[in-house]
Amino acid sequence: MIKYSLFLLVTLIILGACSPSSDTELPTLAVLPTLEPTLTPVPIRPLEFWQAVNGTLVNTSQVDRWQFTGQAGDAISLRALGPVSVRLERNATI
């Protein structure tokens, strides 16, 4: 009988320690930031042959769009500094 009482007491203590003490959120819950979609369209700026362009993106949601005309075999040189995401898209008009 003593072993059963001791087992029951230890079980109740363990179960009592595992239950939350209040209805507040646990400190391990993290709300992650999300990227907001661009509400206004970003204008496409023309880029002429051999034209060098410098620019600065102020924040992570800023986008610059450039467009140029090229032919198959033309070399493209792009240099970006810092933690940036660069994407080249091909819009073929044949």
N, C-alpha and C. Protein backbone atom coordinates (compact mmCIF):
# COMPACT_ATOMS: atom_id res chain seq x y z
N MET A 1 0.83 -1.20 0.00
CA MET A 1 0.00 0.00 0.00
C MET A 1 0.87 1.26 0.00
N ILE A 2 2.00 1.22 0.69
CA ILE A 2 2.89 2.39 0.73
C ILE A 2 3.50 2.62 -0.66
N LYS A 3 3.87 1.53 -1.35
CA LYS A 3 4.45 1.68 -2.68
C LYS A 3 3.43 2.30 -3.64
N TYR A 4 2.19 1.86 -3.55
CA TYR A 4 1.15 2.40 -4.42
C TYR A 4 0.91 3.88 -4.12
N SER A 5 0.87 4.26 -2.85
CA SER A 5 0.67 5.66 -2.46
C SER A 5 1.83 6.53 -2.93
N LEU A 6 3.05 6.02 -2.79
CA LEU A 6 4.23 6.74 -3.24
C LEU A 6 4.22 6.90 -4.76
N PHE A 7 3.84 5.84 -5.47
CA PHE A 7 3.76 5.90 -6.94
C PHE A 7 2.71 6.92 -7.37
N LEU A 8 1.56 6.92 -6.70
CA LEU A 8 0.49 7.86 -7.02
C LEU A 8 0.91 9.29 -6.74
N LEU A 9 1.61 9.53 -5.64
CA LEU A 9 2.08 10.86 -5.28
C LEU A 9 3.09 11.38 -6.30
N VAL A 10 4.04 10.55 -6.70
CA VAL A 10 5.05 10.95 -7.69
C VAL A 10 4.39 11.23 -9.04
N THR A 11 3.43 10.40 -9.44
CA THR A 11 2.72 10.59 -10.70
C THR A 11 1.96 11.91 -10.70
N LEU A 12 1.28 12.22 -9.61
CA LEU A 12 0.52 13.48 -9.52
C LEU A 12 1.45 14.69 -9.55
N ILE A 13 2.60 14.60 -8.91
CA ILE A 13 3.56 15.71 -8.93
C ILE A 13 4.09 15.94 -10.35
N ILE A 14 4.41 14.86 -11.05
CA ILE A 14 4.92 14.99 -12.42
C ILE A 14 3.85 15.56 -13.34
N LEU A 15 2.61 15.06 -13.23
CA LEU A 15 1.54 15.57 -14.07
C LEU A 15 1.22 17.02 -13.74
N GLY A 16 1.29 17.38 -12.48
CA GLY A 16 1.04 18.77 -12.08
C GLY A 16 2.12 19.70 -12.61
N ALA A 17 3.34 19.25 -12.69
CA ALA A 17 4.44 20.07 -13.19
C ALA A 17 4.37 20.24 -14.70
N CYS A 18 3.73 19.32 -15.40
CA CYS A 18 3.67 19.38 -16.87
C CYS A 18 2.55 20.26 -17.38
N SER A 19 1.58 20.58 -16.57
CA SER A 19 0.46 21.38 -17.05
C SER A 19 0.80 22.87 -16.96
N PRO A 20 0.33 23.69 -17.91
CA PRO A 20 0.63 25.13 -17.87
C PRO A 20 -0.05 25.77 -16.67
N SER A 21 0.59 26.79 -16.13
CA SER A 21 0.07 27.44 -14.93
C SER A 21 -0.93 28.54 -15.25
N SER A 22 -0.96 29.04 -16.53
CA SER A 22 -1.91 30.09 -16.89
C SER A 22 -2.25 29.97 -18.37
N ASP A 23 -3.13 30.86 -18.82
CA ASP A 23 -3.55 30.83 -20.21
C ASP A 23 -2.69 31.71 -21.11
N THR A 24 -1.60 32.25 -20.59
CA THR A 24 -0.74 33.10 -21.41
C THR A 24 0.05 32.25 -22.40
N GLU A 25 0.53 32.92 -23.46
CA GLU A 25 1.31 32.21 -24.47
C GLU A 25 2.64 31.78 -23.89
N LEU A 26 3.12 30.67 -24.36
CA LEU A 26 4.41 30.17 -23.91
C LEU A 26 5.52 31.04 -24.47
N PRO A 27 6.63 31.18 -23.78
CA PRO A 27 7.71 32.04 -24.27
C PRO A 27 8.41 31.49 -25.50
N THR A 28 8.15 30.26 -25.88
CA THR A 28 8.79 29.69 -27.06
C THR A 28 8.06 30.05 -28.34
N LEU A 29 6.90 30.70 -28.24
CA LEU A 29 6.14 31.09 -29.41
C LEU A 29 6.80 32.31 -30.04
N ALA A 30 7.13 32.23 -31.32
CA ALA A 30 7.75 33.34 -32.04
C ALA A 30 6.87 33.74 -33.21
N VAL A 31 6.60 35.01 -33.32
CA VAL A 31 5.85 35.54 -34.45
C VAL A 31 6.88 36.04 -35.45
N LEU A 32 6.95 35.39 -36.61
CA LEU A 32 7.94 35.72 -37.61
C LEU A 32 7.43 36.82 -38.52
N PRO A 33 8.32 37.73 -38.93
CA PRO A 33 7.88 38.78 -39.85
C PRO A 33 7.61 38.20 -41.23
N THR A 34 6.69 38.80 -41.94
CA THR A 34 6.38 38.37 -43.29
C THR A 34 6.62 39.51 -44.25
N LEU A 35 6.93 39.18 -45.48
CA LEU A 35 7.13 40.20 -46.50
C LEU A 35 5.77 40.66 -47.00
N GLU A 36 5.60 41.96 -47.05
CA GLU A 36 4.35 42.52 -47.55
C GLU A 36 4.41 42.58 -49.08
N PRO A 37 3.36 42.18 -49.76
CA PRO A 37 3.38 42.27 -51.22
C PRO A 37 3.38 43.73 -51.66
N THR A 38 4.01 44.00 -52.80
CA THR A 38 4.03 45.35 -53.34
C THR A 38 2.65 45.68 -53.86
N LEU A 39 2.07 46.74 -53.34
CA LEU A 39 0.71 47.12 -53.73
C LEU A 39 0.70 47.90 -55.04
N THR A 40 1.75 48.67 -55.29
CA THR A 40 1.83 49.43 -56.53
C THR A 40 2.84 48.76 -57.45
N PRO A 41 2.55 48.73 -58.75
CA PRO A 41 3.50 48.11 -59.67
C PRO A 41 4.80 48.89 -59.72
N VAL A 42 5.90 48.16 -59.82
CA VAL A 42 7.21 48.79 -59.90
C VAL A 42 7.49 49.13 -61.36
N PRO A 43 7.82 50.40 -61.66
CA PRO A 43 8.07 50.76 -63.06
C PRO A 43 9.32 50.07 -63.61
N ILE A 44 9.28 49.73 -64.88
CA ILE A 44 10.42 49.12 -65.55
C ILE A 44 11.20 50.23 -66.24
N ARG A 45 12.49 50.35 -65.88
CA ARG A 45 13.32 51.39 -66.47
C ARG A 45 14.17 50.79 -67.59
N PRO A 46 14.30 51.52 -68.72
CA PRO A 46 15.09 51.00 -69.84
C PRO A 46 16.59 51.10 -69.54
N LEU A 47 17.32 50.13 -70.03
CA LEU A 47 18.78 50.11 -69.87
C LEU A 47 19.38 50.00 -71.27
N GLU A 48 20.14 51.02 -71.67
CA GLU A 48 20.72 51.06 -73.00
C GLU A 48 22.01 50.24 -73.04
N PHE A 49 22.44 49.90 -74.26
CA PHE A 49 23.65 49.12 -74.48
C PHE A 49 24.86 49.85 -73.89
N TRP A 50 25.65 49.18 -73.11
CA TRP A 50 26.85 49.68 -72.42
C TRP A 50 26.56 50.75 -71.37
N GLN A 51 25.34 50.89 -70.94
CA GLN A 51 25.00 51.87 -69.91
C GLN A 51 25.24 51.26 -68.53
N ALA A 52 26.08 51.91 -67.74
CA ALA A 52 26.32 51.46 -66.36
C ALA A 52 25.33 52.16 -65.43
N VAL A 53 24.82 51.43 -64.48
CA VAL A 53 23.83 51.98 -63.55
C VAL A 53 24.26 51.66 -62.12
N ASN A 54 24.21 52.63 -61.25
CA ASN A 54 24.45 52.43 -59.82
C ASN A 54 23.16 52.73 -59.08
N GLY A 55 22.92 52.00 -58.01
CA GLY A 55 21.73 52.24 -57.22
C GLY A 55 21.87 51.64 -55.84
N THR A 56 20.98 52.03 -54.96
CA THR A 56 20.98 51.52 -53.59
C THR A 56 19.56 51.15 -53.21
N LEU A 57 19.41 49.96 -52.66
CA LEU A 57 18.12 49.54 -52.11
C LEU A 57 18.14 49.85 -50.63
N VAL A 58 17.21 50.66 -50.19
CA VAL A 58 17.19 51.14 -48.81
C VAL A 58 16.73 50.08 -47.83
N ASN A 59 15.74 49.28 -48.22
CA ASN A 59 15.23 48.24 -47.31
C ASN A 59 14.99 46.96 -48.08
N THR A 60 14.65 45.90 -47.38
CA THR A 60 14.51 44.58 -48.00
C THR A 60 13.27 44.45 -48.88
N SER A 61 12.32 45.37 -48.76
CA SER A 61 11.11 45.28 -49.58
C SER A 61 11.22 46.10 -50.86
N GLN A 62 12.29 46.85 -51.02
CA GLN A 62 12.45 47.69 -52.21
C GLN A 62 12.86 46.83 -53.41
N VAL A 63 12.32 47.18 -54.58
CA VAL A 63 12.57 46.44 -55.81
C VAL A 63 12.94 47.43 -56.90
N ASP A 64 13.95 47.12 -57.70
CA ASP A 64 14.29 47.87 -58.91
C ASP A 64 14.11 46.94 -60.10
N ARG A 65 13.49 47.46 -61.17
CA ARG A 65 13.29 46.66 -62.37
C ARG A 65 13.90 47.40 -63.55
N TRP A 66 14.70 46.65 -64.33
CA TRP A 66 15.36 47.20 -65.51
C TRP A 66 15.06 46.30 -66.69
N GLN A 67 15.05 46.88 -67.89
CA GLN A 67 14.79 46.11 -69.10
C GLN A 67 15.79 46.54 -70.17
N PHE A 68 16.32 45.54 -70.89
CA PHE A 68 17.22 45.83 -72.00
C PHE A 68 16.95 44.85 -73.12
N THR A 69 17.43 45.22 -74.31
CA THR A 69 17.26 44.37 -75.48
C THR A 69 18.61 43.77 -75.82
N GLY A 70 18.62 42.48 -76.09
CA GLY A 70 19.86 41.80 -76.44
C GLY A 70 19.59 40.72 -77.47
N GLN A 71 20.68 40.14 -77.95
CA GLN A 71 20.58 39.06 -78.92
C GLN A 71 21.25 37.82 -78.35
N ALA A 72 20.97 36.69 -78.95
CA ALA A 72 21.58 35.44 -78.50
C ALA A 72 23.10 35.57 -78.60
N GLY A 73 23.79 35.20 -77.55
CA GLY A 73 25.25 35.27 -77.51
C GLY A 73 25.79 36.54 -76.88
N ASP A 74 24.94 37.55 -76.64
CA ASP A 74 25.40 38.77 -75.98
C ASP A 74 25.80 38.46 -74.54
N ALA A 75 26.90 39.06 -74.09
CA ALA A 75 27.35 38.86 -72.70
C ALA A 75 26.63 39.84 -71.78
N ILE A 76 26.27 39.36 -70.62
CA ILE A 76 25.62 40.20 -69.61
C ILE A 76 26.52 40.19 -68.38
N SER A 77 26.84 41.37 -67.87
CA SER A 77 27.67 41.48 -66.67
C SER A 77 26.84 42.17 -65.59
N LEU A 78 26.77 41.55 -64.43
CA LEU A 78 25.98 42.08 -63.32
C LEU A 78 26.79 41.95 -62.05
N ARG A 79 26.88 43.03 -61.30
CA ARG A 79 27.62 43.00 -60.03
C ARG A 79 26.72 43.57 -58.94
N ALA A 80 26.52 42.80 -57.89
CA ALA A 80 25.70 43.23 -56.76
C ALA A 80 26.49 43.03 -55.49
N LEU A 81 26.46 44.02 -54.62
CA LEU A 81 27.18 43.95 -53.35
C LEU A 81 26.18 43.82 -52.21
N GLY A 82 26.55 43.05 -51.20
CA GLY A 82 25.71 42.91 -50.02
C GLY A 82 24.78 41.71 -50.13
N PRO A 83 23.96 41.51 -49.12
CA PRO A 83 23.03 40.38 -49.13
C PRO A 83 21.81 40.71 -49.98
N VAL A 84 21.91 40.45 -51.28
CA VAL A 84 20.82 40.79 -52.20
C VAL A 84 20.32 39.54 -52.91
N SER A 85 19.14 39.67 -53.45
CA SER A 85 18.54 38.61 -54.26
C SER A 85 18.38 39.17 -55.67
N VAL A 86 19.05 38.55 -56.63
CA VAL A 86 19.03 39.02 -58.02
C VAL A 86 18.35 37.97 -58.89
N ARG A 87 17.47 38.43 -59.76
CA ARG A 87 16.77 37.51 -60.66
C ARG A 87 16.77 38.10 -62.06
N LEU A 88 17.18 37.31 -63.04
CA LEU A 88 17.10 37.69 -64.45
C LEU A 88 15.98 36.91 -65.10
N GLU A 89 15.11 37.63 -65.80
CA GLU A 89 14.00 36.98 -66.50
C GLU A 89 14.16 37.23 -67.99
N ARG A 90 13.82 36.23 -68.78
CA ARG A 90 13.91 36.34 -70.24
C ARG A 90 12.50 36.52 -70.80
N ASN A 91 12.28 37.65 -71.46
CA ASN A 91 11.01 37.90 -72.14
C ASN A 91 11.29 37.88 -73.62
N ALA A 92 11.11 36.73 -74.24
CA ALA A 92 11.42 36.56 -75.66
C ALA A 92 10.31 37.16 -76.51
N THR A 93 10.70 38.01 -77.45
CA THR A 93 9.75 38.56 -78.43
C THR A 93 10.29 38.19 -79.80
N ILE A 94 9.94 36.99 -80.25
CA ILE A 94 10.44 36.48 -81.53
C ILE A 94 9.35 36.58 -82.57
